[in-house]
Every structure is written in C-alpha cells, then in structure tokens.
C-alpha atoms as a PDB file:
ATOM      1  CA  MET A   1      26.350   0.677  -1.049  1.00  0.00           C
ATOM      2  CA  ALA A   2      24.529   2.302   2.623  1.00  0.00           C
ATOM      3  CA  GLY A   3      22.029   1.222   4.652  1.00  0.00           C
ATOM      4  CA  ARG A   4      22.689  -2.455   2.568  1.00  0.00           C
ATOM      5  CA  PRO A   5      22.339  -4.490   5.653  1.00  0.00           C
ATOM      6  CA  TRP A   6      18.638  -2.796   6.500  1.00  0.00           C
ATOM      7  CA  HIS A   7      17.522  -3.540   2.539  1.00  0.00           C
ATOM      8  CA  VAL A   8      18.981  -7.553   3.631  1.00  0.00           C
ATOM      9  CA  ALA A   9      17.579  -8.156   6.745  1.00  0.00           C
ATOM     10  CA  ARG A  10      14.420  -6.644   5.941  1.00  0.00           C
ATOM     11  CA  THR A  11      14.455  -8.318   3.087  1.00  0.00           C
ATOM     12  CA  VAL A  12      14.801 -11.839   5.234  1.00  0.00           C
ATOM     13  CA  LEU A  13      13.065 -10.234   8.419  1.00  0.00           C
ATOM     14  CA  THR A  14       9.724 -10.251   5.236  1.00  0.00           C
ATOM     15  CA  ALA A  15      10.660 -13.033   4.306  1.00  0.00           C
ATOM     16  CA  ALA A  16      10.288 -15.258   8.011  1.00  0.00           C
ATOM     17  CA  ASN A  17       7.216 -13.463   9.151  1.00  0.00           C
ATOM     18  CA  GLY A  18       5.036 -14.830   6.275  1.00  0.00           C
ATOM     19  CA  THR A  19       3.955 -11.203   4.876  1.00  0.00           C
ATOM     20  CA  THR A  20       6.660 -11.907   1.744  1.00  0.00           C
ATOM     21  CA  GLY A  21       4.615 -15.259   0.976  1.00  0.00           C
ATOM     22  CA  ALA A  22       1.539 -13.213   2.182  1.00  0.00           C
ATOM     23  CA  GLY A  23       2.155 -10.578  -1.143  1.00  0.00           C
ATOM     24  CA  LEU A  24       3.417 -12.914  -3.327  1.00  0.00           C
ATOM     25  CA  LEU A  25       0.067 -15.159  -2.277  1.00  0.00           C
ATOM     26  CA  LEU A  26      -1.513 -12.777  -2.834  1.00  0.00           C
ATOM     27  CA  ALA A  27      -0.115 -11.407  -6.747  1.00  0.00           C
ATOM     28  CA  LEU A  28      -0.669 -15.153  -7.163  1.00  0.00           C
ATOM     29  CA  LEU A  29      -3.837 -14.713  -7.048  1.00  0.00           C
ATOM     30  CA  THR A  30      -4.726 -11.563  -8.497  1.00  0.00           C
ATOM     31  CA  ARG A  31      -3.092 -12.368 -11.686  1.00  0.00           C
ATOM     32  CA  THR A  32      -0.217  -9.328 -11.611  1.00  0.00           C
ATOM     33  CA  ARG A  33       3.228  -9.458 -12.320  1.00  0.00           C
ATOM     34  CA  ILE A  34       6.072 -10.180 -10.050  1.00  0.00           C
ATOM     35  CA  ARG A  35       9.000  -7.854 -11.331  1.00  0.00           C
ATOM     36  CA  ARG A  36      12.071  -7.879  -9.084  1.00  0.00           C
ATOM     37  CA  GLY A  37      11.783  -3.876  -7.604  1.00  0.00           C
ATOM     38  CA  ARG A  38      15.260  -1.460  -6.178  1.00  0.00           C
ATOM     39  CA  HIS A  39      16.477  -2.617  -3.037  1.00  0.00           C
ATOM     40  CA  GLY A  40      15.187  -5.802  -1.921  1.00  0.00           C
ATOM     41  CA  VAL A  41      11.707  -4.581  -2.436  1.00  0.00           C
ATOM     42  CA  LEU A  42       9.836  -6.647  -5.117  1.00  0.00           C
ATOM     43  CA  ILE A  43       6.734  -5.398  -7.800  1.00  0.00           C
ATOM     44  CA  ALA A  44       3.248  -6.269  -8.689  1.00  0.00           C
ATOM     45  CA  GLU A  45       2.439  -4.833 -11.237  1.00  0.00           C
ATOM     46  CA  GLY A  46      -1.738  -4.008 -12.783  1.00  0.00           C
ATOM     47  CA  TRP A  47      -3.435  -4.852  -9.387  1.00  0.00           C
ATOM     48  CA  ARG A  48      -7.160  -4.519 -11.041  1.00  0.00           C
ATOM     49  CA  LEU A  49      -9.544  -4.971  -7.739  1.00  0.00           C
ATOM     50  CA  ARG A  50     -11.191  -1.460  -6.552  1.00  0.00           C
ATOM     51  CA  MET A  51      -9.830  -1.642  -3.187  1.00  0.00           C
ATOM     52  CA  PRO A  52      -7.557  -0.293  -1.951  1.00  0.00           C
ATOM     53  CA  PRO A  53      -7.573   3.121  -4.037  1.00  0.00           C
ATOM     54  CA  ALA A  54      -4.329   4.049  -3.764  1.00  0.00           C
ATOM     55  CA  SER A  55      -2.512   3.875  -6.818  1.00  0.00           C
ATOM     56  CA  CYS A  56       0.213   0.937  -4.736  1.00  0.00           C
ATOM     57  CA  PHE A  57       0.082  -0.305  -0.839  1.00  0.00           C
ATOM     58  CA  THR A  58       3.130  -2.932   0.204  1.00  0.00           C
ATOM     59  CA  VAL A  59       2.038  -6.182   1.994  1.00  0.00           C
ATOM     60  CA  GLY A  60       5.740  -7.628   3.011  1.00  0.00           C
ATOM     61  CA  SER A  61       8.077  -6.694   0.673  1.00  0.00           C
ATOM     62  CA  VAL A  62       6.205  -7.231  -2.439  1.00  0.00           C
ATOM     63  CA  ILE A  63       4.661  -3.673  -3.850  1.00  0.00           C
ATOM     64  CA  ILE A  64       1.812  -3.990  -5.127  1.00  0.00           C
ATOM     65  CA  THR A  65       0.474  -1.385  -7.914  1.00  0.00           C
ATOM     66  CA  ARG A  66      -2.623  -0.195 -10.805  1.00  0.00           C
ATOM     67  CA  ARG A  67       0.596   0.762 -12.515  1.00  0.00           C
ATOM     68  CA  SER A  68       3.807  -0.666 -14.168  1.00  0.00           C
ATOM     69  CA  ALA A  69       6.941  -1.424 -11.902  1.00  0.00           C
ATOM     70  CA  GLU A  70       8.709   1.307 -14.542  1.00  0.00           C
ATOM     71  CA  TRP A  71       6.096   3.583 -13.395  1.00  0.00           C
ATOM     72  CA  LEU A  72       6.741   3.191  -9.652  1.00  0.00           C
ATOM     73  CA  LEU A  73      10.636   2.513 -10.175  1.00  0.00           C
ATOM     74  CA  HIS A  74      10.645   6.323 -12.472  1.00  0.00           C
ATOM     75  CA  GLU A  75      12.876   8.975 -10.926  1.00  0.00           C
ATOM     76  CA  GLN A  76       9.712  11.168 -10.705  1.00  0.00           C
ATOM     77  CA  ARG A  77       8.190   8.960  -7.962  1.00  0.00           C
ATOM     78  CA  SER A  78      11.108   8.185  -6.109  1.00  0.00           C
ATOM     79  CA  ALA A  79       9.964   9.507  -2.987  1.00  0.00           C
ATOM     80  CA  LEU A  80       6.447   7.031  -3.192  1.00  0.00           C
ATOM     81  CA  LEU A  81       9.091   3.890  -3.471  1.00  0.00           C
ATOM     82  CA  ALA A  82      10.692   4.993  -0.552  1.00  0.00           C
ATOM     83  CA  HIS A  83       7.289   5.466   0.614  1.00  0.00           C
ATOM     84  CA  GLU A  84       6.259   1.861   0.454  1.00  0.00           C
ATOM     85  CA  SER A  85       9.620   0.830   1.078  1.00  0.00           C
ATOM     86  CA  ARG A  86       9.343   2.772   4.332  1.00  0.00           C
ATOM     87  CA  HIS A  87       5.899   0.373   4.576  1.00  0.00           C
ATOM     88  CA  ALA A  88       8.451  -2.838   4.004  1.00  0.00           C
ATOM     89  CA  GLY A  89      10.154  -2.102   6.734  1.00  0.00           C
ATOM     90  CA  GLN A  90       7.313  -1.850   8.651  1.00  0.00           C
ATOM     91  CA  TYR A  91       6.237  -5.526   8.356  1.00  0.00           C
ATOM     92  CA  ALA A  92       9.637  -6.572   9.414  1.00  0.00           C
ATOM     93  CA  VAL A  93      10.101  -5.481  12.714  1.00  0.00           C
ATOM     94  CA  LEU A  94       5.880  -6.596  13.144  1.00  0.00           C
ATOM     95  CA  GLY A  95       4.863  -8.565  10.805  1.00  0.00           C
ATOM     96  CA  PRO A  96       1.151  -9.859  10.817  1.00  0.00           C
ATOM     97  CA  LEU A  97       0.726  -7.753  13.673  1.00  0.00           C
ATOM     98  CA  PHE A  98       1.464  -4.778  11.283  1.00  0.00           C
ATOM     99  CA  TRP A  99      -2.435  -5.454  10.072  1.00  0.00           C
ATOM    100  CA  PRO A 100      -3.921  -5.077  12.655  1.00  0.00           C
ATOM    101  CA  ALA A 101      -2.197  -2.319  14.248  1.00  0.00           C
ATOM    102  CA  TYR A 102      -2.315  -1.106  10.626  1.00  0.00           C
ATOM    103  CA  TRP A 103      -5.848  -0.658  10.497  1.00  0.00           C
ATOM    104  CA  LEU A 104      -6.631   0.134  14.087  1.00  0.00           C
ATOM    105  CA  ALA A 105      -3.841   3.656  13.475  1.00  0.00           C
ATOM    106  CA  CYS A 106      -6.739   3.969   9.818  1.00  0.00           C
ATOM    107  CA  GLY A 107      -9.938   4.156  11.844  1.00  0.00           C
ATOM    108  CA  TRP A 108      -7.877   6.642  14.249  1.00  0.00           C
ATOM    109  CA  SER A 109      -7.226   8.813  11.585  1.00  0.00           C
ATOM    110  CA  TYR A 110     -10.099   8.589  10.106  1.00  0.00           C
ATOM    111  CA  VAL A 111     -12.468   8.798  12.974  1.00  0.00           C
ATOM    112  CA  THR A 112     -10.246  12.430  13.788  1.00  0.00           C
ATOM    113  CA  THR A 113      -9.516  13.966  10.465  1.00  0.00           C
ATOM    114  CA  GLY A 114     -11.438  12.028   8.272  1.00  0.00           C
ATOM    115  CA  SER A 115      -8.306  11.156   5.722  1.00  0.00           C
ATOM    116  CA  PHE A 116      -7.272   7.311   6.097  1.00  0.00           C
ATOM    117  CA  GLY A 117      -3.787   8.452   6.840  1.00  0.00           C
ATOM    118  CA  VAL A 118      -2.779  12.361   8.471  1.00  0.00           C
ATOM    119  CA  ARG A 119      -2.538  10.996  12.060  1.00  0.00           C
ATOM    120  CA  ASN A 120      -1.682   6.735  11.215  1.00  0.00           C
ATOM    121  CA  TRP A 121       1.613   6.736  12.891  1.00  0.00           C
ATOM    122  CA  PHE A 122       2.045   4.045   9.608  1.00  0.00           C
ATOM    123  CA  GLU A 123       1.883   6.565   7.200  1.00  0.00           C
ATOM    124  CA  ARG A 124       3.341   9.460   9.637  1.00  0.00           C
ATOM    125  CA  HIS A 125       6.670   7.223  10.265  1.00  0.00           C
ATOM    126  CA  ALA A 126       6.482   6.093   6.052  1.00  0.00           C
ATOM    127  CA  GLY A 127       6.277   9.989   5.073  1.00  0.00           C
ATOM    128  CA  LEU A 128       2.910  11.586   4.469  1.00  0.00           C
ATOM    129  CA  ASN A 129       4.624  13.801   1.714  1.00  0.00           C
ATOM    130  CA  ASP A 130       6.077  10.739   0.105  1.00  0.00           C
ATOM    131  CA  GLY A 131       2.972   8.807  -0.012  1.00  0.00           C
ATOM    132  CA  GLY A 132       0.783  11.630  -0.964  1.00  0.00           C
ATOM    133  CA  TYR A 133      -0.700  12.519   2.073  1.00  0.00           C
ATOM    134  CA  PRO A 134      -1.843  15.927   3.799  1.00  0.00           C
ATOM    135  CA  GLU A 135       1.198  16.714   6.340  1.00  0.00           C
ATOM    136  CA  GLU A 136      -2.531  18.252   8.276  1.00  0.00           C
ATOM    137  CA  LEU A 137      -5.415  18.109   8.083  1.00  0.00           C
ATOM    138  CA  PRO A 138      -8.354  20.181  11.340  1.00  0.00           C
ATOM    139  CA  PRO A 139      -9.446  17.863  13.837  1.00  0.00           C
ATOM    140  CA  ARG A 140     -12.632  17.375  12.993  1.00  0.00           C
ATOM    141  CA  PRO A 141     -15.687  18.850  15.167  1.00  0.00           C
ATOM    142  CA  TRP A 142     -17.139  16.586  17.142  1.00  0.00           C
ATOM    143  CA  LEU A 143     -12.910  16.345  18.099  1.00  0.00           C
ATOM    144  CA  ARG A 144     -12.436  19.736  19.029  1.00  0.00           C
ATOM    145  CA  ARG A 145     -15.105  20.060  21.762  1.00  0.00           C
ATOM    146  CA  PHE A 146     -12.610  18.147  24.199  1.00  0.00           C
ATOM    147  CA  ARG A 147      -9.810  20.533  23.270  1.00  0.00           C
END
C-alpha cells in the first residue's frame, strides 16, 4: 500500500505531540461521535457548534465534520478527505505550533484577499481546490498600491 509508512508515522507523531489528544478531547466535549476513517485518521461526526463555519476541520489526526462519517468517506469527497488528511500531516510536523502558525496564515490571507484560505500557506499546501477554496483572488485595493 503506497503511503502507508507516512500514514503510520503521521498517526504516531500526532499522538505523541498531543494534537490528536486535543482533537479527541474536543470531540468528547462537544459530544460528536468518533469513527475510524482511512489511513490512520479518525472522524468525529455531528459537530453542532457554529464555529468554524466550514463543513469540516482537522485537529491532529481527527477530522471533525458537521456531517456523517459516511458523507466524508464517500468517493465524491475523496479530495476533501485528502485535503483534511494533509492538515493532519501538518500537525504531525508542527505539533501544537500548528495553531498559532495557522491563525497567523489565516490573518495574512484575510488581510490581503478577504479570504482565510487563498493566501494561507497551510491551505495552499493542503490543496486549495480540494478544500473548496478558490485558487486565487485579487489582492485588496489597499495592497495594490504597494505593487
């Protein structure tokens, strides 16, 4: 199976750095149901809080979704599952440092384009299209003055 060593390493690293534990705790506190996904990720289904507004997001190796695990695991959403799995890989590398780095990248992207994802390094490297983000947006008018 291609990629298996990375899936195992990612699972071990996110467990060791505590980010998967944080994802499981968040799932437990919000009473989402935890299911086994593919390639070492877990899926917490039934997220009911209004934030974040996305259909799913990742904490460690836990993908948290408003929908069901079956919805996310359906072949039609294989690109979205791959996008969220790439975020799990980012957690494996950065551990808890992912959170401030990600929010800084969100801020930069929002300030420059009005979108949290388009110029966010983490979203770009997880695959903008796969995550449902536009590939490019024009810079905000105030930024164009500096070009």
